[in-house]
Protein backbone atom coordinates (compact mmCIF):
# COMPACT_ATOMS: atom_id res chain seq x y z
CA MET A 1 -98.19 -84.27 83.66
CA THR A 2 -100.58 -81.39 83.07
CA SER A 3 -102.16 -79.96 86.26
CA PRO A 4 -105.95 -79.81 86.14
CA GLN A 5 -107.52 -76.43 85.47
CA THR A 6 -109.60 -74.68 88.05
CA PRO A 7 -113.30 -74.45 87.21
CA SER A 8 -113.07 -70.73 86.38
CA ALA A 9 -110.04 -71.42 84.10
CA GLN A 10 -111.97 -74.13 82.36
CA THR A 11 -114.97 -71.82 81.84
CA ALA A 12 -112.80 -69.03 80.41
CA SER A 13 -111.00 -71.51 78.12
CA ALA A 14 -114.33 -72.80 76.85
CA GLN A 15 -115.62 -69.33 76.09
CA THR A 16 -112.50 -68.08 74.26
CA PRO A 17 -113.47 -68.01 70.59
CA ALA A 18 -111.21 -69.56 67.93
CA PRO A 19 -108.81 -67.14 66.14
CA LEU A 20 -109.99 -65.58 62.94
CA VAL A 21 -108.34 -67.28 59.89
CA ALA A 22 -108.67 -66.82 56.20
CA ASP A 23 -111.69 -68.34 54.45
CA PRO A 24 -110.49 -69.86 51.12
CA ARG A 25 -114.01 -70.14 49.70
CA GLN A 26 -114.78 -66.54 50.43
CA ARG A 27 -111.41 -65.36 49.11
CA ALA A 28 -112.12 -67.28 45.90
CA GLU A 29 -115.42 -65.42 45.54
CA TRP A 30 -113.64 -62.06 46.12
CA THR A 31 -110.98 -62.99 43.55
CA ALA A 32 -113.63 -63.81 40.96
CA VAL A 33 -115.39 -60.55 41.54
CA ARG A 34 -112.19 -58.62 41.14
CA ARG A 35 -111.49 -60.52 37.94
CA GLU A 36 -115.01 -59.70 36.59
CA LEU A 37 -114.55 -56.12 37.45
CA ALA A 38 -111.28 -55.90 35.53
CA GLU A 39 -113.05 -57.27 32.44
CA SER A 40 -116.33 -55.29 32.72
CA SER A 41 -117.57 -52.11 31.20
CA PRO A 42 -117.86 -49.06 33.49
CA GLU A 43 -121.63 -49.62 33.72
CA ARG A 44 -121.30 -53.28 34.78
CA ARG A 45 -118.51 -52.40 37.15
CA THR A 46 -120.75 -49.87 38.90
CA GLU A 47 -123.53 -52.54 39.07
CA ILE A 48 -121.15 -55.06 40.72
CA LEU A 49 -119.77 -52.57 43.17
CA ARG A 50 -123.22 -51.39 44.14
CA GLU A 51 -124.36 -55.02 44.78
CA TRP A 52 -121.35 -55.60 46.98
CA ALA A 53 -121.86 -52.45 48.98
CA SER A 54 -125.53 -53.23 49.46
CA ARG A 55 -124.61 -56.66 50.86
CA THR A 56 -122.09 -54.85 53.17
CA ARG A 57 -124.73 -52.47 54.40
CA ARG A 58 -127.21 -55.28 55.09
CA SER A 59 -124.44 -57.05 57.11
CA ILE A 60 -123.87 -53.91 59.14
CA VAL A 61 -127.61 -53.75 59.99
CA SER A 62 -127.57 -57.37 61.04
CA MET A 63 -124.41 -56.88 63.21
CA ILE A 64 -125.70 -53.75 64.89
CA ASP A 65 -129.03 -55.42 65.48
CA HIS A 66 -127.22 -58.40 67.09
CA ALA A 67 -124.89 -56.24 69.27
CA LYS A 68 -127.42 -53.52 70.12
CA GLN A 69 -124.66 -51.03 69.67
CA GLY A 70 -122.52 -49.58 66.87
CA HIS A 71 -122.11 -46.49 64.61
CA ILE A 72 -124.50 -47.17 61.80
CA GLY A 73 -124.45 -43.67 60.22
CA GLY A 74 -120.73 -43.55 59.75
CA ASP A 75 -120.60 -47.21 58.71
CA PHE A 76 -122.96 -46.51 55.87
CA SER A 77 -121.21 -43.33 54.70
CA VAL A 78 -117.84 -45.11 54.45
CA THR A 79 -119.11 -48.36 52.84
CA ASP A 80 -118.68 -47.34 49.13
CA ILE A 81 -115.15 -46.10 49.93
CA LEU A 82 -114.28 -49.45 51.51
CA THR A 83 -115.92 -51.34 48.55
CA VAL A 84 -113.70 -49.57 46.03
CA ALA A 85 -110.61 -49.83 48.09
CA TYR A 86 -110.89 -53.61 48.55
CA LEU A 87 -112.24 -54.59 45.15
CA GLU A 88 -110.44 -52.05 43.00
CA ALA A 89 -107.53 -50.19 44.57
CA LEU A 90 -105.51 -52.38 46.92
CA ASN A 91 -102.87 -54.96 46.02
CA ILE A 92 -103.58 -57.51 48.80
CA ASP A 93 -104.01 -61.19 49.44
CA PRO A 94 -106.50 -62.12 52.24
CA GLU A 95 -104.86 -65.59 52.59
CA ASN A 96 -101.52 -63.83 53.19
CA PRO A 97 -102.29 -60.76 55.28
CA GLY A 98 -98.73 -60.38 56.41
CA ASP A 99 -97.14 -60.14 52.97
CA PRO A 100 -94.35 -57.60 53.44
CA ASP A 101 -95.00 -56.13 50.02
CA ARG A 102 -98.76 -55.71 50.46
CA ASP A 103 -100.63 -52.38 50.16
CA ARG A 104 -101.83 -51.12 53.58
CA PHE A 105 -105.35 -49.92 54.38
CA ILE A 106 -106.03 -48.16 57.68
CA LEU A 107 -109.50 -47.08 58.84
CA SER A 108 -108.59 -44.26 61.16
CA LYS A 109 -112.32 -43.72 62.02
CA GLY A 110 -112.13 -47.02 63.86
CA HIS A 111 -115.61 -46.66 65.54
CA CYS A 112 -116.98 -47.64 62.11
CA SER A 113 -115.64 -51.17 62.56
CA ALA A 114 -118.75 -52.96 61.49
CA ALA A 115 -118.22 -51.66 57.93
CA LEU A 116 -114.52 -52.72 58.00
CA TYR A 117 -115.26 -56.11 59.47
CA SER A 118 -117.90 -56.90 56.83
CA THR A 119 -115.51 -55.80 54.05
CA LEU A 120 -112.70 -57.98 55.34
CA ALA A 121 -114.96 -61.00 55.82
CA PHE A 122 -116.47 -60.75 52.34
CA SER A 123 -112.94 -60.41 50.98
CA GLY A 124 -111.94 -63.72 52.59
CA TYR A 125 -109.86 -62.63 55.62
CA PHE A 126 -112.19 -64.69 57.86
CA ASP A 127 -115.53 -66.56 57.70
CA PRO A 128 -118.43 -64.15 57.32
CA ALA A 129 -120.38 -66.21 59.85
CA ARG A 130 -118.16 -64.75 62.51
CA LEU A 131 -119.67 -61.34 61.93
CA GLN A 132 -122.55 -62.44 64.10
CA THR A 133 -120.20 -62.36 67.08
CA PHE A 134 -119.81 -58.59 66.75
CA MET A 135 -119.14 -57.08 70.15
CA ASP A 136 -119.86 -60.36 71.96
CA PRO A 137 -117.84 -60.95 75.18
CA LEU A 138 -114.30 -61.97 74.18
CA SER A 139 -115.11 -61.62 70.52
CA PRO A 140 -112.19 -60.48 68.35
CA LEU A 141 -114.67 -58.34 66.53
CA ASN A 142 -114.96 -55.70 69.21
CA GLY A 143 -116.00 -52.07 68.85
CA HIS A 144 -112.58 -50.83 67.64
CA PRO A 145 -110.33 -52.86 65.33
CA ASN A 146 -107.45 -54.70 66.89
CA ARG A 147 -104.52 -55.73 64.72
CA THR A 148 -103.64 -58.66 66.97
CA LYS A 149 -107.10 -60.23 66.72
CA VAL A 150 -108.40 -59.39 63.20
CA PRO A 151 -106.38 -60.36 60.08
CA GLY A 152 -106.21 -57.44 57.67
CA VAL A 153 -106.28 -54.81 60.33
CA GLU A 154 -102.97 -52.92 60.15
CA THR A 155 -103.15 -50.83 63.33
CA ASN A 156 -105.53 -50.43 66.26
CA THR A 157 -107.77 -47.43 65.73
CA GLY A 158 -110.64 -45.74 67.51
CA PRO A 159 -109.01 -42.80 69.36
CA LEU A 160 -109.27 -40.20 66.52
CA GLY A 161 -106.24 -38.66 64.90
CA HIS A 162 -104.03 -41.78 65.23
CA GLY A 163 -104.59 -43.57 61.84
CA LEU A 164 -103.11 -40.94 59.51
CA PRO A 165 -99.81 -40.57 61.52
CA VAL A 166 -99.46 -44.38 61.40
CA ALA A 167 -100.16 -44.39 57.74
CA VAL A 168 -97.43 -41.79 57.17
CA GLY A 169 -95.02 -44.04 58.97
CA ALA A 170 -96.08 -46.98 56.83
CA ALA A 171 -95.69 -45.00 53.60
CA ILE A 172 -92.21 -43.88 54.68
CA GLY A 173 -91.32 -47.59 55.34
CA ALA A 174 -92.58 -48.68 51.96
CA LYS A 175 -90.78 -45.92 50.16
CA LEU A 176 -87.49 -46.84 51.88
CA LYS A 177 -88.00 -50.51 50.86
CA GLY A 178 -88.80 -49.36 47.31
CA ASN A 179 -91.33 -52.25 46.91
CA GLY A 180 -93.94 -50.11 45.21
CA SER A 181 -96.60 -50.74 47.88
CA ARG A 182 -99.16 -48.01 48.63
CA VAL A 183 -101.01 -46.98 51.80
CA ILE A 184 -104.61 -45.84 51.83
CA VAL A 185 -106.03 -44.32 55.05
CA VAL A 186 -109.62 -43.15 55.62
CA THR A 187 -110.38 -40.54 58.15
CA GLY A 188 -113.63 -38.95 59.29
CA ASP A 189 -114.09 -35.27 58.58
CA GLY A 190 -114.77 -34.33 62.23
CA GLU A 191 -111.60 -36.31 62.98
CA LEU A 192 -109.58 -33.64 61.11
CA GLN A 193 -110.15 -31.36 64.06
CA GLU A 194 -107.43 -33.35 65.76
CA GLY A 195 -104.08 -31.53 65.28
CA SER A 196 -102.15 -34.79 64.92
CA ASN A 197 -103.53 -35.14 61.35
CA TRP A 198 -102.08 -31.89 60.17
CA GLU A 199 -98.59 -32.69 61.71
CA ALA A 200 -98.81 -35.99 59.78
CA LEU A 201 -99.63 -34.21 56.59
CA MET A 202 -96.61 -31.82 57.00
CA ALA A 203 -94.47 -34.94 57.37
CA ALA A 204 -96.02 -36.62 54.33
CA SER A 205 -95.43 -33.56 52.21
CA HIS A 206 -91.79 -33.18 53.50
CA HIS A 207 -91.04 -36.79 52.66
CA GLU A 208 -92.82 -36.66 49.28
CA LEU A 209 -94.94 -39.67 50.01
CA HIS A 210 -96.50 -40.15 46.58
CA ASN A 211 -97.49 -43.61 47.83
CA LEU A 212 -99.94 -42.33 50.44
CA THR A 213 -103.54 -41.65 49.76
CA LEU A 214 -105.74 -40.01 52.40
CA VAL A 215 -109.50 -40.38 51.90
CA VAL A 216 -111.66 -38.08 54.01
CA ASP A 217 -115.21 -39.40 54.62
CA ARG A 218 -116.79 -35.89 54.26
CA ASN A 219 -120.29 -36.57 55.57
CA ARG A 220 -120.35 -33.17 57.43
CA LEU A 221 -121.73 -34.69 60.66
CA GLN A 222 -119.95 -35.74 63.81
CA GLN A 223 -121.14 -36.80 67.21
CA GLY A 224 -123.78 -34.37 68.24
CA ALA A 225 -123.62 -31.66 65.52
CA ARG A 226 -122.49 -30.73 62.07
CA THR A 227 -118.75 -30.27 61.56
CA GLU A 228 -119.14 -26.65 60.38
CA GLU A 229 -121.01 -25.79 63.54
CA THR A 230 -118.41 -27.51 65.81
CA ASN A 231 -115.12 -26.43 64.25
CA ALA A 232 -115.33 -25.44 60.61
CA LEU A 233 -113.20 -27.27 58.13
CA ASP A 234 -113.94 -25.51 54.89
CA PRO A 235 -112.29 -24.62 52.59
CA LEU A 236 -110.97 -28.10 53.16
CA ASP A 237 -109.57 -28.53 49.73
CA GLU A 238 -107.52 -25.40 50.00
CA LYS A 239 -106.22 -26.35 53.41
CA LEU A 240 -105.16 -29.78 52.25
CA ALA A 241 -103.48 -28.28 49.18
CA SER A 242 -101.60 -25.82 51.42
CA PHE A 243 -100.15 -28.80 53.28
CA GLY A 244 -98.65 -30.16 50.15
CA CYS A 245 -101.36 -32.62 48.97
CA GLU A 246 -102.56 -33.43 45.46
CA VAL A 247 -106.27 -32.82 46.19
CA ARG A 248 -109.23 -34.61 44.54
CA VAL A 249 -112.85 -33.78 45.35
CA VAL A 250 -115.38 -36.54 44.42
CA ASP A 251 -118.82 -37.82 45.19
CA GLY A 252 -118.05 -40.48 47.74
CA HIS A 253 -120.90 -42.69 46.50
CA ASP A 254 -119.89 -42.53 42.84
CA TYR A 255 -117.92 -45.75 42.20
CA GLN A 256 -116.19 -44.63 39.00
CA ALA A 257 -115.16 -41.31 40.57
CA LEU A 258 -113.81 -43.22 43.58
CA ILE A 259 -111.77 -45.60 41.39
CA GLN A 260 -110.20 -42.62 39.74
CA ALA A 261 -109.62 -40.73 42.93
CA MET A 262 -107.89 -43.73 44.56
CA SER A 263 -105.41 -44.19 41.74
CA GLY A 264 -101.82 -43.19 42.27
CA SER A 265 -100.34 -39.71 42.55
CA THR A 266 -99.76 -37.83 39.26
CA THR A 267 -97.59 -35.04 40.87
CA GLY A 268 -95.30 -36.87 43.26
CA LYS A 269 -97.26 -35.49 46.17
CA PRO A 270 -99.41 -37.34 48.75
CA VAL A 271 -103.01 -37.67 47.51
CA ALA A 272 -105.85 -36.33 49.56
CA VAL A 273 -109.42 -37.31 48.42
CA ILE A 274 -112.26 -35.42 49.80
CA ALA A 275 -115.11 -37.95 49.31
CA ASN A 276 -118.41 -36.08 49.81
CA THR A 277 -120.74 -38.62 51.37
CA ILE A 278 -124.07 -38.85 53.15
CA LYS A 279 -124.06 -40.14 56.75
CA GLY A 280 -126.45 -43.17 56.85
CA LYS A 281 -126.37 -43.54 53.08
CA GLY A 282 -128.84 -46.04 51.76
CA VAL A 283 -131.52 -45.95 54.45
CA SER A 284 -133.95 -42.98 54.18
CA PHE A 285 -134.60 -42.43 57.84
CA ILE A 286 -130.90 -42.52 58.76
CA GLU A 287 -129.50 -40.41 55.93
CA ASP A 288 -128.01 -37.07 57.06
CA ARG A 289 -129.43 -37.33 60.64
CA VAL A 290 -127.02 -36.50 63.39
CA GLU A 291 -128.77 -38.71 66.01
CA TRP A 292 -127.80 -41.80 64.00
CA HIS A 293 -124.05 -41.43 64.84
CA HIS A 294 -124.50 -43.97 67.65
CA LYS A 295 -128.19 -44.80 67.60
CA VAL A 296 -129.41 -48.40 67.31
CA PRO A 297 -132.50 -49.11 65.18
CA ASN A 298 -135.51 -50.90 66.78
CA ALA A 299 -137.13 -54.05 65.26
CA GLU A 300 -139.44 -52.07 63.01
CA GLN A 301 -136.67 -49.83 61.80
CA ILE A 302 -134.38 -52.92 61.09
CA GLU A 303 -137.09 -54.35 58.89
CA GLN A 304 -137.47 -51.14 56.94
CA ALA A 305 -133.71 -50.77 56.57
CA VAL A 306 -133.38 -54.32 55.12
CA LYS A 307 -136.13 -53.60 52.61
CA GLU A 308 -134.51 -50.41 51.45
CA LEU A 309 -131.14 -52.19 51.10
CA ALA A 310 -132.57 -55.19 49.20
């Protein structure tokens, strides 16, 4: 016989949201879009990817408006990178997120979780309606991604400098298994001021991790200042090359360039993509403005942002 719950236990149980599970209808839409991309001209592919990214940015605006917190500037700068990763580059199945032979994606700049959650939901990992629980009490969609709560999240991120080392470990594991799977990891550029990233790159080069692709979201802004004023990174391409990477420098909002940049290694070395982006990309009053690292738009600004992203 089950003992009765205390009132506090009953309340907690009632408030605990249901686990996130795959959304077959959304997954089917994502599959259809990927199929259309594979059959389309470069011009049409760009149009499809731009439409997908615009929807993601509108979702980010709605989520941050709901939560009254978030990192909208960095969310917008990384959106096009996420769009290409999930629609073009990754070998994944949202209905089977634990497939041992899957490609892995890690968003090391985990504070930009609204962009990741929107991408995962629109890919079918869970119902997009759940995005409107972003940062609610007990919501699995909290400020930093949690692998035990959100399908498709490979590792918990948020403390900067952790994602790339984990990605190196995942790439070593995939190489040992010989299953051909790849690992793509996205870091912020200010994040590269953390020494753990450079230790990880030394290991990646030593182990000849041709199955590892690092994408640096190079928007040149971090919390409170520009990266070059805080702790200069340039010449970043030369530094990455000196650590044994095959370096590719691209416009991080050019879909065709990103598709090529996220393709496999041609030299047997780990790939490092410097994706030159604009923080706040897509909304005029947010673009390249340092104060929008963690600022929340007011009602009037929300309306203007939605119009610009229409």
